[in-house]
Amino acid sequence: MDDTAPAADAPEESFVRPYMITGGRTVGAAGDIPIETLVVAQRPRDGLNPDHAFVVDLCAEPLSVAEIAVNIRQPIGVARVLVADLTASGHVEQYETAATEGAAIVRRLLDGIRSL
């Protein structure tokens, strides 16, 4: 079996440009999201466009934003915008990872050192 083959339920290869999927946006409705953020579906996909609906389906189990990008075959920026939109609409929930929390601690520590 070829591990590089797309999943059976993956969307068809598309010629739609990423900026069309995101409406030209680089940040979604819920703001900027780190790529390691875990995402889990919270609501049914009813009423969503196909791109958003596919992300909700993928997130039945926790997935990182980076994993979502791979599964939808789009650049990471597109996945971040879709996840941010779905977070704002309540279709998915985000969970920070230890890496995200650790990075925030390091930033606060560096800011504290700089202020000395």
Protein backbone atom coordinates (compact mmCIF):
# COMPACT_ATOMS: atom_id res chain seq x y z
CA MET A 1 0.00 0.00 0.00
CA ASP A 2 1.29 3.45 -0.92
CA ASP A 3 1.45 5.68 2.20
CA THR A 4 1.67 8.80 0.04
CA ALA A 5 -1.74 8.21 -1.55
CA PRO A 6 -4.45 10.67 -0.47
CA ALA A 7 -7.13 9.54 1.94
CA ALA A 8 -10.32 8.25 0.34
CA ASP A 9 -12.34 11.13 1.79
CA ALA A 10 -9.78 13.83 0.94
CA PRO A 11 -11.04 16.63 -1.31
CA GLU A 12 -10.25 16.34 -5.00
CA GLU A 13 -7.14 18.09 -6.27
CA SER A 14 -8.23 21.62 -6.99
CA PHE A 15 -7.08 24.51 -9.10
CA VAL A 16 -8.66 26.97 -6.66
CA ARG A 17 -6.01 29.36 -5.44
CA PRO A 18 -5.46 29.59 -1.66
CA TYR A 19 -6.48 33.26 -1.61
CA MET A 20 -9.87 32.26 -3.00
CA ILE A 21 -10.42 29.81 -0.11
CA THR A 22 -9.55 32.45 2.48
CA GLY A 23 -11.13 35.39 0.68
CA GLY A 24 -7.69 36.98 0.45
CA ARG A 25 -7.29 37.03 4.22
CA THR A 26 -4.13 36.01 6.04
CA VAL A 27 -5.72 36.02 9.50
CA GLY A 28 -9.06 34.41 10.31
CA ALA A 29 -11.95 35.67 12.42
CA ALA A 30 -10.46 34.40 15.70
CA GLY A 31 -7.00 35.87 15.07
CA ASP A 32 -3.60 34.32 14.50
CA ILE A 33 -3.21 30.65 15.50
CA PRO A 34 0.08 28.82 16.17
CA ILE A 35 0.62 25.81 13.90
CA GLU A 36 1.00 23.43 16.86
CA THR A 37 -2.43 24.31 18.29
CA LEU A 38 -4.68 21.26 18.67
CA VAL A 39 -8.16 21.56 17.18
CA VAL A 40 -11.26 19.49 18.02
CA ALA A 41 -14.72 19.67 16.41
CA GLN A 42 -17.51 20.92 18.69
CA ARG A 43 -20.56 21.32 16.43
CA PRO A 44 -21.96 19.65 13.31
CA ARG A 45 -20.76 20.94 9.97
CA ASP A 46 -24.26 21.95 8.84
CA GLY A 47 -24.35 25.09 6.71
CA LEU A 48 -20.60 25.29 6.14
CA ASN A 49 -18.89 25.59 2.79
CA PRO A 50 -17.01 22.44 1.67
CA ASP A 51 -13.57 23.66 2.81
CA HIS A 52 -14.75 24.48 6.33
CA ALA A 53 -16.88 21.32 6.51
CA PHE A 54 -13.91 19.12 5.61
CA VAL A 55 -11.86 20.66 8.43
CA VAL A 56 -14.67 19.99 10.92
CA ASP A 57 -14.83 16.37 9.73
CA LEU A 58 -11.07 15.98 10.14
CA CYS A 59 -11.21 17.30 13.68
CA ALA A 60 -13.45 14.58 15.09
CA GLU A 61 -10.17 13.60 16.78
CA PRO A 62 -7.68 16.26 17.90
CA LEU A 63 -5.39 17.45 15.11
CA SER A 64 -2.79 20.20 15.00
CA VAL A 65 -3.19 23.06 12.55
CA ALA A 66 -0.12 21.71 10.72
CA GLU A 67 -1.78 18.30 10.33
CA ILE A 68 -4.95 19.94 9.06
CA ALA A 69 -2.93 21.77 6.39
CA VAL A 70 -1.45 18.49 5.19
CA ASN A 71 -4.84 16.77 5.10
CA ILE A 72 -6.56 19.56 3.18
CA ARG A 73 -3.56 19.89 0.85
CA GLN A 74 -3.25 23.63 1.35
CA PRO A 75 -0.54 25.95 2.70
CA ILE A 76 -0.37 26.34 6.48
CA GLY A 77 -1.70 29.91 6.21
CA VAL A 78 -4.92 28.65 4.63
CA ALA A 79 -5.38 26.10 7.42
CA ARG A 80 -4.81 28.80 10.04
CA VAL A 81 -7.49 31.05 8.51
CA LEU A 82 -10.00 28.19 8.20
CA VAL A 83 -9.41 27.08 11.80
CA ALA A 84 -9.70 30.67 13.06
CA ASP A 85 -13.01 31.08 11.23
CA LEU A 86 -14.32 27.79 12.62
CA THR A 87 -13.22 28.76 16.12
CA ALA A 88 -15.06 32.08 15.87
CA SER A 89 -18.22 30.30 14.71
CA GLY A 90 -17.97 27.72 17.50
CA HIS A 91 -17.55 24.73 15.18
CA VAL A 92 -14.14 23.85 16.61
CA GLU A 93 -12.29 24.48 19.83
CA GLN A 94 -8.57 25.14 20.17
CA TYR A 95 -6.26 23.72 22.81
CA GLU A 96 -2.80 25.08 23.48
CA THR A 97 -0.01 22.54 23.53
CA ALA A 98 2.86 22.44 25.97
CA ALA A 99 5.03 23.98 23.25
CA THR A 100 2.66 26.95 22.98
CA GLU A 101 2.63 27.46 26.76
CA GLY A 102 6.41 27.02 26.94
CA ALA A 103 6.97 29.62 24.24
CA ALA A 104 4.83 32.13 26.16
CA ILE A 105 6.86 31.54 29.31
CA VAL A 106 10.13 32.02 27.42
CA ARG A 107 8.81 35.27 25.88
CA ARG A 108 7.79 36.60 29.32
CA LEU A 109 11.18 35.60 30.74
CA LEU A 110 13.03 37.39 27.91
CA ASP A 111 10.83 40.46 28.33
CA GLY A 112 11.62 40.46 32.06
CA ILE A 113 15.35 40.19 31.42
CA ARG A 114 15.23 43.01 28.86
CA SER A 115 13.46 45.28 31.34
CA LEU A 116 16.29 44.94 33.89
